Amino acid sequence: MGKKLVKNEADIRRRMMYPNKYDVLGIVIKNYGQTRMSIKCQDGETRICRVRGKMKKRRWVREGDVVLVSPWEFQSAEKGDIIFRYTYNQASHLRERGYLNIEA
């Protein structure tokens, strides 16, 4: 029953995670349920990814969302973990900066 938190553009960019050399950006294609999703990644692979435990029930991931994927050390071409979901404003910011160059 508190006040709604209003976020401005500076606040959005401050809390945003950028991909490092091990992570890859992707777009959710299909939701299979049980926190498993099919994601088209920027490196050309389509991975079956799961929402990591810290994000469960805190951030809802839907089809068409831009996410940050951490591929597993084994089966890295097929599987990975979703570690961050970007909002619409954050995704457009990534496209402007040149980080994201794939479309759903």
PDB file of N, CA and C in Angstrom:
ATOM      1  N   MET A   1       0.817  -1.186   0.000  1.00  0.00           N
ATOM      2  CA  MET A   1       0.000   0.000   0.000  1.00  0.00           C
ATOM      3  C   MET A   1       0.863   1.253   0.000  1.00  0.00           C
ATOM      4  N   GLY A   2       2.015   1.192  -0.635  1.00  0.00           N
ATOM      5  CA  GLY A   2       2.870   2.359  -0.686  1.00  0.00           C
ATOM      6  C   GLY A   2       2.687   3.117  -1.980  1.00  0.00           C
ATOM      7  N   LYS A   3       3.491   4.139  -2.160  1.00  0.00           N
ATOM      8  CA  LYS A   3       3.425   4.934  -3.377  1.00  0.00           C
ATOM      9  C   LYS A   3       4.108   4.195  -4.528  1.00  0.00           C
ATOM     10  N   LYS A   4       3.637   4.450  -5.722  1.00  0.00           N
ATOM     11  CA  LYS A   4       4.217   3.828  -6.903  1.00  0.00           C
ATOM     12  C   LYS A   4       5.551   4.516  -7.223  1.00  0.00           C
ATOM     13  N   LEU A   5       6.577   3.707  -7.458  1.00  0.00           N
ATOM     14  CA  LEU A   5       7.898   4.237  -7.760  1.00  0.00           C
ATOM     15  C   LEU A   5       7.955   4.675  -9.218  1.00  0.00           C
ATOM     16  N   VAL A   6       8.211   5.934  -9.460  1.00  0.00           N
ATOM     17  CA  VAL A   6       8.314   6.469 -10.811  1.00  0.00           C
ATOM     18  C   VAL A   6       9.781   6.468 -11.201  1.00  0.00           C
ATOM     19  N   LYS A   7      10.069   5.843 -12.336  1.00  0.00           N
ATOM     20  CA  LYS A   7      11.456   5.747 -12.792  1.00  0.00           C
ATOM     21  C   LYS A   7      11.679   6.715 -13.953  1.00  0.00           C
ATOM     22  N   ASN A   8      12.766   7.443 -13.897  1.00  0.00           N
ATOM     23  CA  ASN A   8      13.116   8.302 -15.009  1.00  0.00           C
ATOM     24  C   ASN A   8      14.217   7.636 -15.826  1.00  0.00           C
ATOM     25  N   GLU A   9      14.618   8.240 -16.915  1.00  0.00           N
ATOM     26  CA  GLU A   9      15.595   7.632 -17.822  1.00  0.00           C
ATOM     27  C   GLU A   9      16.955   7.425 -17.167  1.00  0.00           C
ATOM     28  N   ALA A  10      17.389   8.330 -16.316  1.00  0.00           N
ATOM     29  CA  ALA A  10      18.694   8.182 -15.657  1.00  0.00           C
ATOM     30  C   ALA A  10      18.680   6.983 -14.721  1.00  0.00           C
ATOM     31  N   ASP A  11      17.562   6.767 -14.042  1.00  0.00           N
ATOM     32  CA  ASP A  11      17.448   5.631 -13.132  1.00  0.00           C
ATOM     33  C   ASP A  11      17.464   4.318 -13.903  1.00  0.00           C
ATOM     34  N   ILE A  12      16.861   4.284 -15.069  1.00  0.00           N
ATOM     35  CA  ILE A  12      16.827   3.079 -15.891  1.00  0.00           C
ATOM     36  C   ILE A  12      18.232   2.698 -16.345  1.00  0.00           C
ATOM     37  N   ARG A  13      19.018   3.650 -16.777  1.00  0.00           N
ATOM     38  CA  ARG A  13      20.361   3.339 -17.273  1.00  0.00           C
ATOM     39  C   ARG A  13      21.317   2.961 -16.151  1.00  0.00           C
ATOM     40  N   ARG A  14      21.093   3.465 -14.945  1.00  0.00           N
ATOM     41  CA  ARG A  14      22.002   3.183 -13.840  1.00  0.00           C
ATOM     42  C   ARG A  14      21.898   1.724 -13.396  1.00  0.00           C
ATOM     43  N   ARG A  15      20.693   1.156 -13.378  1.00  0.00           N
ATOM     44  CA  ARG A  15      20.480  -0.209 -12.913  1.00  0.00           C
ATOM     45  C   ARG A  15      20.535  -1.234 -14.030  1.00  0.00           C
ATOM     46  N   MET A  16      20.943  -0.836 -15.207  1.00  0.00           N
ATOM     47  CA  MET A  16      20.925  -1.715 -16.361  1.00  0.00           C
ATOM     48  C   MET A  16      22.221  -2.522 -16.430  1.00  0.00           C
ATOM     49  N   MET A  17      22.090  -3.816 -16.769  1.00  0.00           N
ATOM     50  CA  MET A  17      23.259  -4.681 -16.930  1.00  0.00           C
ATOM     51  C   MET A  17      23.647  -4.734 -18.401  1.00  0.00           C
ATOM     52  N   TYR A  18      24.896  -4.486 -18.683  1.00  0.00           N
ATOM     53  CA  TYR A  18      25.403  -4.607 -20.047  1.00  0.00           C
ATOM     54  C   TYR A  18      26.061  -5.975 -20.207  1.00  0.00           C
ATOM     55  N   PRO A  19      26.029  -6.548 -21.415  1.00  0.00           N
ATOM     56  CA  PRO A  19      26.640  -7.872 -21.599  1.00  0.00           C
ATOM     57  C   PRO A  19      28.156  -7.813 -21.524  1.00  0.00           C
ATOM     58  N   ASN A  20      28.757  -8.823 -20.867  1.00  0.00           N
ATOM     59  CA  ASN A  20      30.209  -8.932 -20.858  1.00  0.00           C
ATOM     60  C   ASN A  20      30.619  -9.938 -21.931  1.00  0.00           C
ATOM     61  N   LYS A  21      31.874 -10.361 -21.936  1.00  0.00           N
ATOM     62  CA  LYS A  21      32.345 -11.225 -23.019  1.00  0.00           C
ATOM     63  C   LYS A  21      31.780 -12.642 -22.941  1.00  0.00           C
ATOM     64  N   TYR A  22      31.229 -13.058 -21.797  1.00  0.00           N
ATOM     65  CA  TYR A  22      30.668 -14.398 -21.664  1.00  0.00           C
ATOM     66  C   TYR A  22      29.159 -14.438 -21.908  1.00  0.00           C
ATOM     67  N   ASP A  23      28.471 -13.313 -21.770  1.00  0.00           N
ATOM     68  CA  ASP A  23      27.018 -13.257 -21.900  1.00  0.00           C
ATOM     69  C   ASP A  23      26.627 -12.820 -23.307  1.00  0.00           C
ATOM     70  N   VAL A  24      25.369 -13.119 -23.669  1.00  0.00           N
ATOM     71  CA  VAL A  24      24.860 -12.781 -24.990  1.00  0.00           C
ATOM     72  C   VAL A  24      23.413 -12.293 -24.850  1.00  0.00           C
ATOM     73  N   LEU A  25      23.024 -11.351 -25.692  1.00  0.00           N
ATOM     74  CA  LEU A  25      21.660 -10.843 -25.692  1.00  0.00           C
ATOM     75  C   LEU A  25      20.773 -11.732 -26.555  1.00  0.00           C
ATOM     76  N   GLY A  26      19.491 -11.798 -26.215  1.00  0.00           N
ATOM     77  CA  GLY A  26      18.562 -12.606 -26.989  1.00  0.00           C
ATOM     78  C   GLY A  26      17.134 -12.141 -26.816  1.00  0.00           C
ATOM     79  N   ILE A  27      16.254 -12.691 -27.664  1.00  0.00           N
ATOM     80  CA  ILE A  27      14.835 -12.369 -27.628  1.00  0.00           C
ATOM     81  C   ILE A  27      14.063 -13.656 -27.387  1.00  0.00           C
ATOM     82  N   VAL A  28      13.103 -13.616 -26.469  1.00  0.00           N
ATOM     83  CA  VAL A  28      12.307 -14.799 -26.126  1.00  0.00           C
ATOM     84  C   VAL A  28      11.361 -15.112 -27.283  1.00  0.00           C
ATOM     85  N   ILE A  29      11.442 -16.345 -27.789  1.00  0.00           N
ATOM     86  CA  ILE A  29      10.584 -16.784 -28.887  1.00  0.00           C
ATOM     87  C   ILE A  29       9.358 -17.516 -28.360  1.00  0.00           C
ATOM     88  N   LYS A  30       9.573 -18.460 -27.464  1.00  0.00           N
ATOM     89  CA  LYS A  30       8.474 -19.299 -26.970  1.00  0.00           C
ATOM     90  C   LYS A  30       8.672 -19.611 -25.493  1.00  0.00           C
ATOM     91  N   ASN A  31       7.572 -19.576 -24.745  1.00  0.00           N
ATOM     92  CA  ASN A  31       7.588 -19.904 -23.326  1.00  0.00           C
ATOM     93  C   ASN A  31       7.048 -21.315 -23.161  1.00  0.00           C
ATOM     94  N   TYR A  32       7.861 -22.229 -22.625  1.00  0.00           N
ATOM     95  CA  TYR A  32       7.453 -23.614 -22.439  1.00  0.00           C
ATOM     96  C   TYR A  32       6.823 -23.868 -21.079  1.00  0.00           C
ATOM     97  N   GLY A  33       6.903 -22.952 -20.150  1.00  0.00           N
ATOM     98  CA  GLY A  33       6.407 -23.159 -18.792  1.00  0.00           C
ATOM     99  C   GLY A  33       7.522 -23.708 -17.914  1.00  0.00           C
ATOM    100  N   GLN A  34       7.262 -23.736 -16.605  1.00  0.00           N
ATOM    101  CA  GLN A  34       8.262 -24.211 -15.641  1.00  0.00           C
ATOM    102  C   GLN A  34       9.581 -23.433 -15.776  1.00  0.00           C
ATOM    103  N   THR A  35       9.515 -22.151 -16.045  1.00  0.00           N
ATOM    104  CA  THR A  35      10.638 -21.212 -16.190  1.00  0.00           C
ATOM    105  C   THR A  35      11.573 -21.573 -17.328  1.00  0.00           C
ATOM    106  N   ARG A  36      11.156 -22.348 -18.297  1.00  0.00           N
ATOM    107  CA  ARG A  36      11.978 -22.695 -19.464  1.00  0.00           C
ATOM    108  C   ARG A  36      11.434 -21.971 -20.693  1.00  0.00           C
ATOM    109  N   MET A  37      12.372 -21.449 -21.500  1.00  0.00           N
ATOM    110  CA  MET A  37      11.999 -20.672 -22.674  1.00  0.00           C
ATOM    111  C   MET A  37      12.958 -20.920 -23.813  1.00  0.00           C
ATOM    112  N   SER A  38      12.461 -20.730 -25.023  1.00  0.00           N
ATOM    113  CA  SER A  38      13.298 -20.801 -26.212  1.00  0.00           C
ATOM    114  C   SER A  38      13.697 -19.369 -26.568  1.00  0.00           C
ATOM    115  N   ILE A  39      14.997 -19.149 -26.740  1.00  0.00           N
ATOM    116  CA  ILE A  39      15.512 -17.799 -26.961  1.00  0.00           C
ATOM    117  C   ILE A  39      16.400 -17.782 -28.197  1.00  0.00           C
ATOM    118  N   LYS A  40      16.139 -16.817 -29.082  1.00  0.00           N
ATOM    119  CA  LYS A  40      16.979 -16.591 -30.254  1.00  0.00           C
ATOM    120  C   LYS A  40      18.078 -15.618 -29.836  1.00  0.00           C
ATOM    121  N   CYS A  41      19.305 -16.122 -29.799  1.00  0.00           N
ATOM    122  CA  CYS A  41      20.420 -15.326 -29.287  1.00  0.00           C
ATOM    123  C   CYS A  41      21.105 -14.573 -30.423  1.00  0.00           C
ATOM    124  N   GLN A  42      21.874 -13.591 -30.040  1.00  0.00           N
ATOM    125  CA  GLN A  42      22.530 -12.717 -30.998  1.00  0.00           C
ATOM    126  C   GLN A  42      23.678 -13.412 -31.732  1.00  0.00           C
ATOM    127  N   ASP A  43      24.219 -14.488 -31.164  1.00  0.00           N
ATOM    128  CA  ASP A  43      25.311 -15.192 -31.828  1.00  0.00           C
ATOM    129  C   ASP A  43      24.815 -16.214 -32.854  1.00  0.00           C
ATOM    130  N   GLY A  44      23.501 -16.226 -33.126  1.00  0.00           N
ATOM    131  CA  GLY A  44      22.942 -17.103 -34.134  1.00  0.00           C
ATOM    132  C   GLY A  44      22.378 -18.407 -33.605  1.00  0.00           C
ATOM    133  N   GLU A  45      22.560 -18.700 -32.337  1.00  0.00           N
ATOM    134  CA  GLU A  45      22.071 -19.940 -31.737  1.00  0.00           C
ATOM    135  C   GLU A  45      20.657 -19.727 -31.188  1.00  0.00           C
ATOM    136  N   THR A  46      19.881 -20.808 -31.147  1.00  0.00           N
ATOM    137  CA  THR A  46      18.601 -20.819 -30.454  1.00  0.00           C
ATOM    138  C   THR A  46      18.745 -21.733 -29.257  1.00  0.00           C
ATOM    139  N   ARG A  47      18.635 -21.166 -28.064  1.00  0.00           N
ATOM    140  CA  ARG A  47      18.891 -21.909 -26.830  1.00  0.00           C
ATOM    141  C   ARG A  47      17.619 -22.117 -26.023  1.00  0.00           C
ATOM    142  N   ILE A  48      17.589 -23.230 -25.296  1.00  0.00           N
ATOM    143  CA  ILE A  48      16.567 -23.466 -24.284  1.00  0.00           C
ATOM    144  C   ILE A  48      17.148 -22.925 -22.978  1.00  0.00           C
ATOM    145  N   CYS A  49      16.535 -21.869 -22.446  1.00  0.00           N
ATOM    146  CA  CYS A  49      17.071 -21.214 -21.258  1.00  0.00           C
ATOM    147  C   CYS A  49      16.060 -21.277 -20.129  1.00  0.00           C
ATOM    148  N   ARG A  50      16.572 -21.172 -18.911  1.00  0.00           N
ATOM    149  CA  ARG A  50      15.716 -21.143 -17.740  1.00  0.00           C
ATOM    150  C   ARG A  50      15.955 -19.840 -16.987  1.00  0.00           C
ATOM    151  N   VAL A  51      14.927 -19.414 -16.268  1.00  0.00           N
ATOM    152  CA  VAL A  51      15.039 -18.216 -15.436  1.00  0.00           C
ATOM    153  C   VAL A  51      15.772 -18.620 -14.169  1.00  0.00           C
ATOM    154  N   ARG A  52      16.823 -17.917 -13.837  1.00  0.00           N
ATOM    155  CA  ARG A  52      17.590 -18.292 -12.643  1.00  0.00           C
ATOM    156  C   ARG A  52      16.769 -18.030 -11.393  1.00  0.00           C
ATOM    157  N   GLY A  53      17.153 -18.681 -10.311  1.00  0.00           N
ATOM    158  CA  GLY A  53      16.373 -18.667  -9.087  1.00  0.00           C
ATOM    159  C   GLY A  53      16.165 -17.296  -8.479  1.00  0.00           C
ATOM    160  N   LYS A  54      17.121 -16.401  -8.607  1.00  0.00           N
ATOM    161  CA  LYS A  54      17.009 -15.070  -8.027  1.00  0.00           C
ATOM    162  C   LYS A  54      15.928 -14.233  -8.719  1.00  0.00           C
ATOM    163  N   MET A  55      15.661 -14.551  -9.997  1.00  0.00           N
ATOM    164  CA  MET A  55      14.666 -13.795 -10.758  1.00  0.00           C
ATOM    165  C   MET A  55      13.268 -14.385 -10.668  1.00  0.00           C
ATOM    166  N   LYS A  56      13.132 -15.634 -10.218  1.00  0.00           N
ATOM    167  CA  LYS A  56      11.824 -16.287 -10.186  1.00  0.00           C
ATOM    168  C   LYS A  56      10.864 -15.497  -9.306  1.00  0.00           C
ATOM    169  N   LYS A  57       9.662 -15.288  -9.788  1.00  0.00           N
ATOM    170  CA  LYS A  57       8.571 -14.598  -9.099  1.00  0.00           C
ATOM    171  C   LYS A  57       8.892 -13.147  -8.750  1.00  0.00           C
ATOM    172  N   ARG A  58       9.997 -12.616  -9.239  1.00  0.00           N
ATOM    173  CA  ARG A  58      10.307 -11.199  -9.051  1.00  0.00           C
ATOM    174  C   ARG A  58      10.204 -10.446 -10.372  1.00  0.00           C
ATOM    175  N   ARG A  59      10.644 -11.082 -11.439  1.00  0.00           N
ATOM    176  CA  ARG A  59      10.570 -10.513 -12.780  1.00  0.00           C
ATOM    177  C   ARG A  59       9.888 -11.515 -13.688  1.00  0.00           C
ATOM    178  N   TRP A  60       8.817 -11.115 -14.346  1.00  0.00           N
ATOM    179  CA  TRP A  60       8.108 -12.003 -15.248  1.00  0.00           C
ATOM    180  C   TRP A  60       8.633 -11.791 -16.652  1.00  0.00           C
ATOM    181  N   VAL A  61       8.993 -12.881 -17.306  1.00  0.00           N
ATOM    182  CA  VAL A  61       9.554 -12.836 -18.653  1.00  0.00           C
ATOM    183  C   VAL A  61       8.486 -13.348 -19.612  1.00  0.00           C
ATOM    184  N   ARG A  62       8.202 -12.563 -20.655  1.00  0.00           N
ATOM    185  CA  ARG A  62       7.184 -12.924 -21.640  1.00  0.00           C
ATOM    186  C   ARG A  62       7.812 -13.065 -23.019  1.00  0.00           C
ATOM    187  N   GLU A  63       7.032 -13.592 -23.958  1.00  0.00           N
ATOM    188  CA  GLU A  63       7.506 -13.723 -25.333  1.00  0.00           C
ATOM    189  C   GLU A  63       7.727 -12.336 -25.927  1.00  0.00           C
ATOM    190  N   GLY A  64       8.829 -12.160 -26.634  1.00  0.00           N
ATOM    191  CA  GLY A  64       9.169 -10.879 -27.236  1.00  0.00           C
ATOM    192  C   GLY A  64      10.064 -10.012 -26.379  1.00  0.00           C
ATOM    193  N   ASP A  65      10.329 -10.406 -25.143  1.00  0.00           N
ATOM    194  CA  ASP A  65      11.195  -9.623 -24.257  1.00  0.00           C
ATOM    195  C   ASP A  65      12.659  -9.803 -24.639  1.00  0.00           C
ATOM    196  N   VAL A  66      13.432  -8.754 -24.446  1.00  0.00           N
ATOM    197  CA  VAL A  66      14.880  -8.807 -24.644  1.00  0.00           C
ATOM    198  C   VAL A  66      15.508  -9.212 -23.317  1.00  0.00           C
ATOM    199  N   VAL A  67      16.353 -10.249 -23.349  1.00  0.00           N
ATOM    200  CA  VAL A  67      16.949 -10.777 -22.128  1.00  0.00           C
ATOM    201  C   VAL A  67      18.452 -10.927 -22.299  1.00  0.00           C
ATOM    202  N   LEU A  68      19.144 -11.018 -21.167  1.00  0.00           N
ATOM    203  CA  LEU A  68      20.574 -11.281 -21.138  1.00  0.00           C
ATOM    204  C   LEU A  68      20.763 -12.740 -20.737  1.00  0.00           C
ATOM    205  N   VAL A  69      21.444 -13.505 -21.590  1.00  0.00           N
ATOM    206  CA  VAL A  69      21.596 -14.941 -21.402  1.00  0.00           C
ATOM    207  C   VAL A  69      23.048 -15.268 -21.091  1.00  0.00           C
ATOM    208  N   SER A  70      23.230 -16.139 -20.098  1.00  0.00           N
ATOM    209  CA  SER A  70      24.550 -16.652 -19.769  1.00  0.00           C
ATOM    210  C   SER A  70      24.594 -18.124 -20.184  1.00  0.00           C
ATOM    211  N   PRO A  71      25.283 -18.455 -21.292  1.00  0.00           N
ATOM    212  CA  PRO A  71      25.336 -19.864 -21.719  1.00  0.00           C
ATOM    213  C   PRO A  71      26.053 -20.724 -20.692  1.00  0.00           C
ATOM    214  N   TRP A  72      25.604 -21.992 -20.596  1.00  0.00           N
ATOM    215  CA  TRP A  72      26.241 -22.918 -19.667  1.00  0.00           C
ATOM    216  C   TRP A  72      27.638 -23.262 -20.155  1.00  0.00           C
ATOM    217  N   GLU A  73      28.510 -23.702 -19.238  1.00  0.00           N
ATOM    218  CA  GLU A  73      29.867 -24.093 -19.617  1.00  0.00           C
ATOM    219  C   GLU A  73      29.855 -25.347 -20.475  1.00  0.00           C
ATOM    220  N   PHE A  74      28.951 -26.298 -20.190  1.00  0.00           N
ATOM    221  CA  PHE A  74      28.767 -27.461 -21.042  1.00  0.00           C
ATOM    222  C   PHE A  74      27.447 -27.260 -21.784  1.00  0.00           C
ATOM    223  N   GLN A  75      27.319 -27.797 -22.957  1.00  0.00           N
ATOM    224  CA  GLN A  75      26.162 -27.604 -23.831  1.00  0.00           C
ATOM    225  C   GLN A  75      25.884 -26.122 -24.059  1.00  0.00           C
ATOM    226  N   SER A  76      26.912 -25.348 -24.269  1.00  0.00           N
ATOM    227  CA  SER A  76      26.749 -23.901 -24.386  1.00  0.00           C
ATOM    228  C   SER A  76      25.986 -23.496 -25.642  1.00  0.00           C
ATOM    229  N   ALA A  77      25.950 -24.355 -26.655  1.00  0.00           N
ATOM    230  CA  ALA A  77      25.211 -24.022 -27.867  1.00  0.00           C
ATOM    231  C   ALA A  77      23.717 -24.285 -27.724  1.00  0.00           C
ATOM    232  N   GLU A  78      23.318 -25.105 -26.734  1.00  0.00           N
ATOM    233  CA  GLU A  78      21.908 -25.461 -26.601  1.00  0.00           C
ATOM    234  C   GLU A  78      21.227 -24.878 -25.369  1.00  0.00           C
ATOM    235  N   LYS A  79      21.961 -24.629 -24.274  1.00  0.00           N
ATOM    236  CA  LYS A  79      21.309 -24.250 -23.022  1.00  0.00           C
ATOM    237  C   LYS A  79      21.972 -23.049 -22.366  1.00  0.00           C
ATOM    238  N   GLY A  80      21.205 -22.371 -21.498  1.00  0.00           N
ATOM    239  CA  GLY A  80      21.732 -21.219 -20.785  1.00  0.00           C
ATOM    240  C   GLY A  80      20.783 -20.754 -19.698  1.00  0.00           C
ATOM    241  N   ASP A  81      21.182 -19.715 -18.975  1.00  0.00           N
ATOM    242  CA  ASP A  81      20.386 -19.118 -17.908  1.00  0.00           C
ATOM    243  C   ASP A  81      20.035 -17.686 -18.282  1.00  0.00           C
ATOM    244  N   ILE A  82      18.801 -17.276 -17.975  1.00  0.00           N
ATOM    245  CA  ILE A  82      18.392 -15.886 -18.151  1.00  0.00           C
ATOM    246  C   ILE A  82      18.790 -15.149 -16.881  1.00  0.00           C
ATOM    247  N   ILE A  83      19.647 -14.123 -17.018  1.00  0.00           N
ATOM    248  CA  ILE A  83      20.115 -13.423 -15.825  1.00  0.00           C
ATOM    249  C   ILE A  83      19.558 -12.009 -15.692  1.00  0.00           C
ATOM    250  N   PHE A  84      18.959 -11.466 -16.779  1.00  0.00           N
ATOM    251  CA  PHE A  84      18.393 -10.113 -16.693  1.00  0.00           C
ATOM    252  C   PHE A  84      17.367  -9.934 -17.802  1.00  0.00           C
ATOM    253  N   ARG A  85      16.278  -9.243 -17.492  1.00  0.00           N
ATOM    254  CA  ARG A  85      15.269  -8.894 -18.492  1.00  0.00           C
ATOM    255  C   ARG A  85      15.254  -7.377 -18.655  1.00  0.00           C
ATOM    256  N   TYR A  86      15.299  -6.920 -19.904  1.00  0.00           N
ATOM    257  CA  TYR A  86      15.316  -5.492 -20.194  1.00  0.00           C
ATOM    258  C   TYR A  86      13.902  -4.990 -20.432  1.00  0.00           C
ATOM    259  N   THR A  87      13.614  -3.771 -19.965  1.00  0.00           N
ATOM    260  CA  THR A  87      12.333  -3.131 -20.255  1.00  0.00           C
ATOM    261  C   THR A  87      12.376  -2.598 -21.688  1.00  0.00           C
ATOM    262  N   TYR A  88      11.246  -2.080 -22.158  1.00  0.00           N
ATOM    263  CA  TYR A  88      11.183  -1.552 -23.519  1.00  0.00           C
ATOM    264  C   TYR A  88      12.156  -0.385 -23.709  1.00  0.00           C
ATOM    265  N   ASN A  89      12.224   0.518 -22.738  1.00  0.00           N
ATOM    266  CA  ASN A  89      13.132   1.671 -22.833  1.00  0.00           C
ATOM    267  C   ASN A  89      14.591   1.230 -22.808  1.00  0.00           C
ATOM    268  N   GLN A  90      14.911   0.243 -21.974  1.00  0.00           N
ATOM    269  CA  GLN A  90      16.281  -0.255 -21.919  1.00  0.00           C
ATOM    270  C   GLN A  90      16.666  -0.953 -23.214  1.00  0.00           C
ATOM    271  N   ALA A  91      15.733  -1.708 -23.822  1.00  0.00           N
ATOM    272  CA  ALA A  91      16.012  -2.389 -25.082  1.00  0.00           C
ATOM    273  C   ALA A  91      16.245  -1.385 -26.210  1.00  0.00           C
ATOM    274  N   SER A  92      15.470  -0.313 -26.238  1.00  0.00           N
ATOM    275  CA  SER A  92      15.687   0.706 -27.262  1.00  0.00           C
ATOM    276  C   SER A  92      17.018   1.424 -27.036  1.00  0.00           C
ATOM    277  N   HIS A  93      17.406   1.589 -25.783  1.00  0.00           N
ATOM    278  CA  HIS A  93      18.706   2.184 -25.466  1.00  0.00           C
ATOM    279  C   HIS A  93      19.845   1.280 -25.957  1.00  0.00           C
ATOM    280  N   LEU A  94      19.688  -0.047 -25.789  1.00  0.00           N
ATOM    281  CA  LEU A  94      20.697  -0.992 -26.283  1.00  0.00           C
ATOM    282  C   LEU A  94      20.790  -0.958 -27.801  1.00  0.00           C
ATOM    283  N   ARG A  95      19.643  -0.821 -28.484  1.00  0.00           N
ATOM    284  CA  ARG A  95      19.651  -0.745 -29.952  1.00  0.00           C
ATOM    285  C   ARG A  95      20.356   0.530 -30.433  1.00  0.00           C
ATOM    286  N   GLU A  96      20.118   1.648 -29.729  1.00  0.00           N
ATOM    287  CA  GLU A  96      20.769   2.912 -30.099  1.00  0.00           C
ATOM    288  C   GLU A  96      22.281   2.826 -29.934  1.00  0.00           C
ATOM    289  N   ARG A  97      22.745   2.145 -28.878  1.00  0.00           N
ATOM    290  CA  ARG A  97      24.175   2.020 -28.606  1.00  0.00           C
ATOM    291  C   ARG A  97      24.866   0.967 -29.471  1.00  0.00           C
ATOM    292  N   GLY A  98      24.080   0.127 -30.170  1.00  0.00           N
ATOM    293  CA  GLY A  98      24.668  -0.871 -31.048  1.00  0.00           C
ATOM    294  C   GLY A  98      24.918  -2.220 -30.405  1.00  0.00           C
ATOM    295  N   TYR A  99      24.424  -2.440 -29.186  1.00  0.00           N
ATOM    296  CA  TYR A  99      24.597  -3.734 -28.529  1.00  0.00           C
ATOM    297  C   TYR A  99      23.650  -4.780 -29.106  1.00  0.00           C
ATOM    298  N   LEU A 100      22.439  -4.373 -29.452  1.00  0.00           N
ATOM    299  CA  LEU A 100      21.393  -5.299 -29.901  1.00  0.00           C
ATOM    300  C   LEU A 100      21.107  -5.059 -31.370  1.00  0.00           C
ATOM    301  N   ASN A 101      21.272  -6.099 -32.194  1.00  0.00           N
ATOM    302  CA  ASN A 101      21.032  -5.932 -33.623  1.00  0.00           C
ATOM    303  C   ASN A 101      20.173  -7.044 -34.206  1.00  0.00           C
ATOM    304  N   ILE A 102      19.336  -7.717 -33.371  1.00  0.00           N
ATOM    305  CA  ILE A 102      18.418  -8.720 -33.873  1.00  0.00           C
ATOM    306  C   ILE A 102      16.986  -8.280 -33.593  1.00  0.00           C
ATOM    307  N   GLU A 103      16.057  -8.771 -34.377  1.00  0.00           N
ATOM    308  CA  GLU A 103      14.639  -8.452 -34.202  1.00  0.00           C
ATOM    309  C   GLU A 103      13.882  -9.723 -33.904  1.00  0.00           C
ATOM    310  N   ALA A 104      12.752  -9.582 -33.256  1.00  0.00           N
ATOM    311  CA  ALA A 104      11.931 -10.756 -32.889  1.00  0.00           C
ATOM    312  C   ALA A 104      11.323 -11.410 -34.099  1.00  0.00           C
TER     313      ALA A 104
END
